[in-house]
């Protein structure tokens, strides 16, 4: 899997200093381990991102296939590990 990713995994995410930027945050704040899989930002800041012009034909299929392998591997390993995944402290 190292050849598919940068190999970096951290419990501290990009959202710790700027919460509200990802779908996983509400789970994380409730004490449920949650993760944001960051991908290459290619075409992320284009004028079509999250508009009606953001259609499937803009998908980078090689990137999507690679991410599917990364996420599937992560989920398999998370499901079969002997210990619970680490959790962040609950915020008040």
N, C-alpha and C. Protein backbone atom coordinates (compact mmCIF):
# COMPACT_ATOMS: atom_id res chain seq x y z
N UNK A 1 0.82 -1.18 0.00
CA UNK A 1 0.00 0.00 0.00
C UNK A 1 0.87 1.25 0.00
N UNK A 2 2.09 1.15 0.47
CA UNK A 2 2.97 2.31 0.50
C UNK A 2 3.13 2.93 -0.88
N UNK A 3 3.10 2.11 -1.94
CA UNK A 3 3.26 2.67 -3.28
C UNK A 3 1.99 3.37 -3.78
N UNK A 4 0.87 3.23 -3.05
CA UNK A 4 -0.37 3.91 -3.43
C UNK A 4 -0.58 5.23 -2.71
N UNK A 5 0.09 5.40 -1.57
CA UNK A 5 -0.14 6.60 -0.76
C UNK A 5 1.19 7.20 -0.33
N UNK A 6 1.08 8.32 0.35
CA UNK A 6 2.29 8.94 0.91
C UNK A 6 2.75 8.18 2.14
N UNK A 7 1.90 7.31 2.68
CA UNK A 7 2.25 6.53 3.85
C UNK A 7 2.05 7.29 5.15
N UNK A 8 1.45 8.43 5.12
CA UNK A 8 1.26 9.24 6.31
C UNK A 8 -0.16 9.08 6.84
N UNK A 9 -0.26 8.73 8.11
CA UNK A 9 -1.54 8.63 8.79
C UNK A 9 -1.38 9.34 10.13
N UNK A 10 -2.34 10.17 10.49
CA UNK A 10 -2.25 10.90 11.75
C UNK A 10 -3.62 11.03 12.37
N UNK A 11 -3.69 10.96 13.70
CA UNK A 11 -4.96 11.17 14.38
C UNK A 11 -5.33 12.64 14.34
N UNK A 12 -4.34 13.53 14.29
CA UNK A 12 -4.62 14.96 14.19
C UNK A 12 -4.84 15.28 12.73
N UNK A 13 -5.99 15.80 12.41
CA UNK A 13 -6.33 16.05 11.02
C UNK A 13 -6.25 17.51 10.63
N UNK A 14 -6.53 17.76 9.39
CA UNK A 14 -6.51 19.13 8.87
C UNK A 14 -7.59 19.99 9.51
N UNK A 15 -8.57 19.36 10.13
CA UNK A 15 -9.73 20.06 10.65
C UNK A 15 -9.59 20.51 12.10
N UNK A 16 -8.54 20.12 12.80
CA UNK A 16 -8.43 20.43 14.21
C UNK A 16 -8.37 21.93 14.48
N UNK A 17 -7.73 22.67 13.62
CA UNK A 17 -7.64 24.11 13.80
C UNK A 17 -8.74 24.86 13.06
N UNK A 18 -9.44 24.18 12.17
CA UNK A 18 -10.48 24.81 11.37
C UNK A 18 -11.65 23.84 11.21
N UNK A 19 -12.36 23.52 12.32
CA UNK A 19 -13.45 22.54 12.21
C UNK A 19 -14.56 23.04 11.29
N UNK A 20 -15.23 22.11 10.65
CA UNK A 20 -16.35 22.45 9.80
C UNK A 20 -16.07 22.27 8.33
N UNK A 21 -14.89 21.75 7.99
CA UNK A 21 -14.54 21.64 6.59
C UNK A 21 -14.67 20.25 6.00
N UNK A 22 -15.19 19.30 6.75
CA UNK A 22 -15.27 17.94 6.22
C UNK A 22 -16.46 17.20 6.83
N UNK A 23 -16.96 16.23 6.08
CA UNK A 23 -18.13 15.46 6.52
C UNK A 23 -17.86 14.58 7.74
N UNK A 24 -16.62 14.26 8.00
CA UNK A 24 -16.32 13.33 9.09
C UNK A 24 -16.31 13.99 10.47
N UNK A 25 -16.33 15.30 10.53
CA UNK A 25 -16.14 16.01 11.80
C UNK A 25 -17.23 15.72 12.82
N UNK A 26 -18.48 15.63 12.40
CA UNK A 26 -19.55 15.38 13.37
C UNK A 26 -19.39 14.02 14.06
N UNK A 27 -18.89 13.03 13.33
CA UNK A 27 -18.62 11.72 13.95
C UNK A 27 -17.47 11.84 14.93
N UNK A 28 -16.42 12.50 14.51
CA UNK A 28 -15.22 12.68 15.32
C UNK A 28 -15.56 13.38 16.63
N UNK A 29 -16.37 14.41 16.57
CA UNK A 29 -16.73 15.16 17.77
C UNK A 29 -17.64 14.37 18.70
N UNK A 30 -18.32 13.33 18.18
CA UNK A 30 -19.17 12.48 19.01
C UNK A 30 -18.41 11.31 19.60
N UNK A 31 -17.09 11.25 19.35
CA UNK A 31 -16.28 10.19 19.91
C UNK A 31 -16.19 8.94 19.05
N UNK A 32 -16.69 9.02 17.83
CA UNK A 32 -16.61 7.91 16.89
C UNK A 32 -15.39 8.14 16.00
N UNK A 33 -14.47 7.18 15.93
CA UNK A 33 -13.31 7.39 15.07
C UNK A 33 -13.76 7.72 13.64
N UNK A 34 -13.22 8.78 13.13
CA UNK A 34 -13.61 9.24 11.79
C UNK A 34 -12.37 9.73 11.07
N UNK A 35 -12.38 9.60 9.78
CA UNK A 35 -11.19 9.89 9.01
C UNK A 35 -11.54 10.67 7.75
N UNK A 36 -10.64 11.52 7.36
CA UNK A 36 -10.77 12.25 6.10
C UNK A 36 -9.65 11.77 5.20
N UNK A 37 -9.99 11.18 4.09
CA UNK A 37 -9.00 10.72 3.13
C UNK A 37 -8.73 11.86 2.17
N UNK A 38 -7.59 12.47 2.33
CA UNK A 38 -7.23 13.62 1.50
C UNK A 38 -6.65 13.14 0.19
N UNK A 39 -7.10 13.74 -0.88
CA UNK A 39 -6.63 13.37 -2.21
C UNK A 39 -5.98 14.56 -2.89
N UNK A 40 -5.38 14.28 -4.01
CA UNK A 40 -4.76 15.32 -4.81
C UNK A 40 -5.82 16.37 -5.12
N UNK A 41 -5.54 17.64 -4.86
CA UNK A 41 -6.54 18.67 -5.08
C UNK A 41 -6.72 19.07 -6.54
N UNK A 42 -6.26 18.27 -7.46
CA UNK A 42 -6.40 18.56 -8.88
C UNK A 42 -7.86 18.87 -9.20
N UNK A 43 -8.12 19.99 -9.80
CA UNK A 43 -9.46 20.44 -10.18
C UNK A 43 -10.39 20.74 -9.00
N UNK A 44 -9.88 20.74 -7.78
CA UNK A 44 -10.76 20.98 -6.63
C UNK A 44 -11.25 22.42 -6.57
N UNK A 45 -10.41 23.35 -6.89
CA UNK A 45 -10.77 24.76 -6.79
C UNK A 45 -11.27 25.35 -8.11
N UNK A 46 -11.70 24.51 -9.02
CA UNK A 46 -12.20 25.02 -10.29
C UNK A 46 -13.57 25.65 -10.10
N UNK A 47 -14.01 26.38 -11.08
CA UNK A 47 -15.32 27.04 -10.99
C UNK A 47 -16.47 26.04 -11.06
N UNK A 48 -16.21 24.83 -11.52
CA UNK A 48 -17.28 23.84 -11.65
C UNK A 48 -17.46 22.96 -10.42
N UNK A 49 -16.51 22.97 -9.49
CA UNK A 49 -16.57 22.09 -8.32
C UNK A 49 -17.84 22.38 -7.49
N UNK A 50 -18.60 21.33 -7.22
CA UNK A 50 -19.86 21.42 -6.47
C UNK A 50 -20.89 22.33 -7.15
N UNK A 51 -20.94 22.27 -8.46
CA UNK A 51 -21.97 22.98 -9.22
C UNK A 51 -22.66 21.96 -10.12
N UNK A 52 -23.64 22.42 -10.88
CA UNK A 52 -24.32 21.50 -11.81
C UNK A 52 -23.41 21.11 -12.98
N UNK A 53 -22.26 21.76 -13.12
CA UNK A 53 -21.30 21.38 -14.17
C UNK A 53 -20.27 20.38 -13.67
N UNK A 54 -20.36 19.99 -12.39
CA UNK A 54 -19.44 19.03 -11.78
C UNK A 54 -20.00 17.63 -12.04
N UNK A 55 -19.76 17.11 -13.22
CA UNK A 55 -20.36 15.85 -13.66
C UNK A 55 -19.34 14.71 -13.66
N UNK A 56 -19.85 13.49 -13.77
CA UNK A 56 -19.01 12.31 -13.67
C UNK A 56 -17.90 12.26 -14.71
N UNK A 57 -18.08 12.92 -15.84
CA UNK A 57 -17.04 12.85 -16.87
C UNK A 57 -15.79 13.64 -16.47
N UNK A 58 -15.84 14.36 -15.36
CA UNK A 58 -14.67 15.08 -14.84
C UNK A 58 -13.87 14.23 -13.87
N UNK A 59 -14.37 13.04 -13.53
CA UNK A 59 -13.69 12.16 -12.59
C UNK A 59 -12.36 11.70 -13.18
N UNK A 60 -11.34 11.74 -12.35
CA UNK A 60 -10.04 11.18 -12.72
C UNK A 60 -10.11 9.69 -12.33
N UNK A 61 -10.41 8.82 -13.30
CA UNK A 61 -10.70 7.43 -12.98
C UNK A 61 -9.51 6.70 -12.35
N UNK A 62 -8.30 6.97 -12.75
CA UNK A 62 -7.15 6.33 -12.13
C UNK A 62 -7.05 6.73 -10.66
N UNK A 63 -7.31 8.00 -10.36
CA UNK A 63 -7.29 8.46 -8.97
C UNK A 63 -8.42 7.80 -8.18
N UNK A 64 -9.61 7.68 -8.77
CA UNK A 64 -10.75 7.06 -8.08
C UNK A 64 -10.47 5.58 -7.80
N UNK A 65 -9.88 4.88 -8.75
CA UNK A 65 -9.54 3.47 -8.54
C UNK A 65 -8.50 3.33 -7.44
N UNK A 66 -7.50 4.19 -7.45
CA UNK A 66 -6.46 4.15 -6.42
C UNK A 66 -7.07 4.40 -5.05
N UNK A 67 -7.95 5.40 -4.96
CA UNK A 67 -8.57 5.72 -3.67
C UNK A 67 -9.46 4.59 -3.20
N UNK A 68 -10.14 3.90 -4.11
CA UNK A 68 -10.97 2.76 -3.73
C UNK A 68 -10.13 1.67 -3.07
N UNK A 69 -8.94 1.42 -3.59
CA UNK A 69 -8.04 0.42 -3.02
C UNK A 69 -7.56 0.87 -1.64
N UNK A 70 -7.19 2.14 -1.52
CA UNK A 70 -6.71 2.67 -0.24
C UNK A 70 -7.80 2.56 0.82
N UNK A 71 -9.03 3.00 0.50
CA UNK A 71 -10.12 2.97 1.47
C UNK A 71 -10.50 1.52 1.81
N UNK A 72 -10.58 0.65 0.83
CA UNK A 72 -10.92 -0.76 1.09
C UNK A 72 -9.87 -1.41 1.98
N UNK A 73 -8.61 -1.13 1.74
CA UNK A 73 -7.53 -1.68 2.57
C UNK A 73 -7.63 -1.15 3.99
N UNK A 74 -7.88 0.15 4.12
CA UNK A 74 -8.02 0.74 5.44
C UNK A 74 -9.20 0.11 6.20
N UNK A 75 -10.34 0.00 5.54
CA UNK A 75 -11.52 -0.57 6.19
C UNK A 75 -11.31 -2.02 6.61
N UNK A 76 -10.68 -2.80 5.76
CA UNK A 76 -10.40 -4.20 6.10
C UNK A 76 -9.50 -4.27 7.33
N UNK A 77 -8.43 -3.50 7.32
CA UNK A 77 -7.50 -3.52 8.45
C UNK A 77 -8.14 -2.97 9.73
N UNK A 78 -8.98 -1.96 9.61
CA UNK A 78 -9.68 -1.42 10.79
C UNK A 78 -10.65 -2.45 11.35
N UNK A 79 -11.33 -3.18 10.48
CA UNK A 79 -12.32 -4.16 10.92
C UNK A 79 -11.69 -5.39 11.55
N UNK A 80 -10.48 -5.72 11.17
CA UNK A 80 -9.86 -6.96 11.66
C UNK A 80 -8.79 -6.73 12.72
N UNK A 81 -8.55 -5.49 13.11
CA UNK A 81 -7.53 -5.23 14.13
C UNK A 81 -8.01 -5.69 15.49
N UNK A 82 -7.12 -6.14 16.35
CA UNK A 82 -7.53 -6.66 17.66
C UNK A 82 -7.97 -5.58 18.66
N UNK A 83 -7.49 -4.36 18.50
CA UNK A 83 -7.81 -3.29 19.43
C UNK A 83 -8.73 -2.26 18.78
N UNK A 84 -9.40 -1.49 19.63
CA UNK A 84 -10.23 -0.39 19.11
C UNK A 84 -9.33 0.67 18.46
N UNK A 85 -9.89 1.38 17.52
CA UNK A 85 -9.18 2.51 16.94
C UNK A 85 -9.08 3.62 17.97
N UNK A 86 -8.01 4.40 17.94
CA UNK A 86 -7.90 5.51 18.90
C UNK A 86 -9.01 6.53 18.70
N UNK A 87 -9.38 7.16 19.79
CA UNK A 87 -10.42 8.18 19.75
C UNK A 87 -9.88 9.48 20.31
N UNK A 88 -10.41 10.57 19.81
CA UNK A 88 -10.04 11.88 20.35
C UNK A 88 -10.84 12.14 21.61
N UNK A 89 -10.32 13.04 22.42
CA UNK A 89 -11.06 13.49 23.59
C UNK A 89 -12.33 14.20 23.12
N UNK A 90 -13.43 13.96 23.83
CA UNK A 90 -14.69 14.64 23.49
C UNK A 90 -14.58 16.11 23.84
N UNK A 91 -15.07 16.97 22.96
CA UNK A 91 -15.09 18.41 23.22
C UNK A 91 -16.35 18.77 23.99
N UNK A 92 -16.24 19.75 24.83
CA UNK A 92 -17.43 20.19 25.59
C UNK A 92 -18.17 21.26 24.88
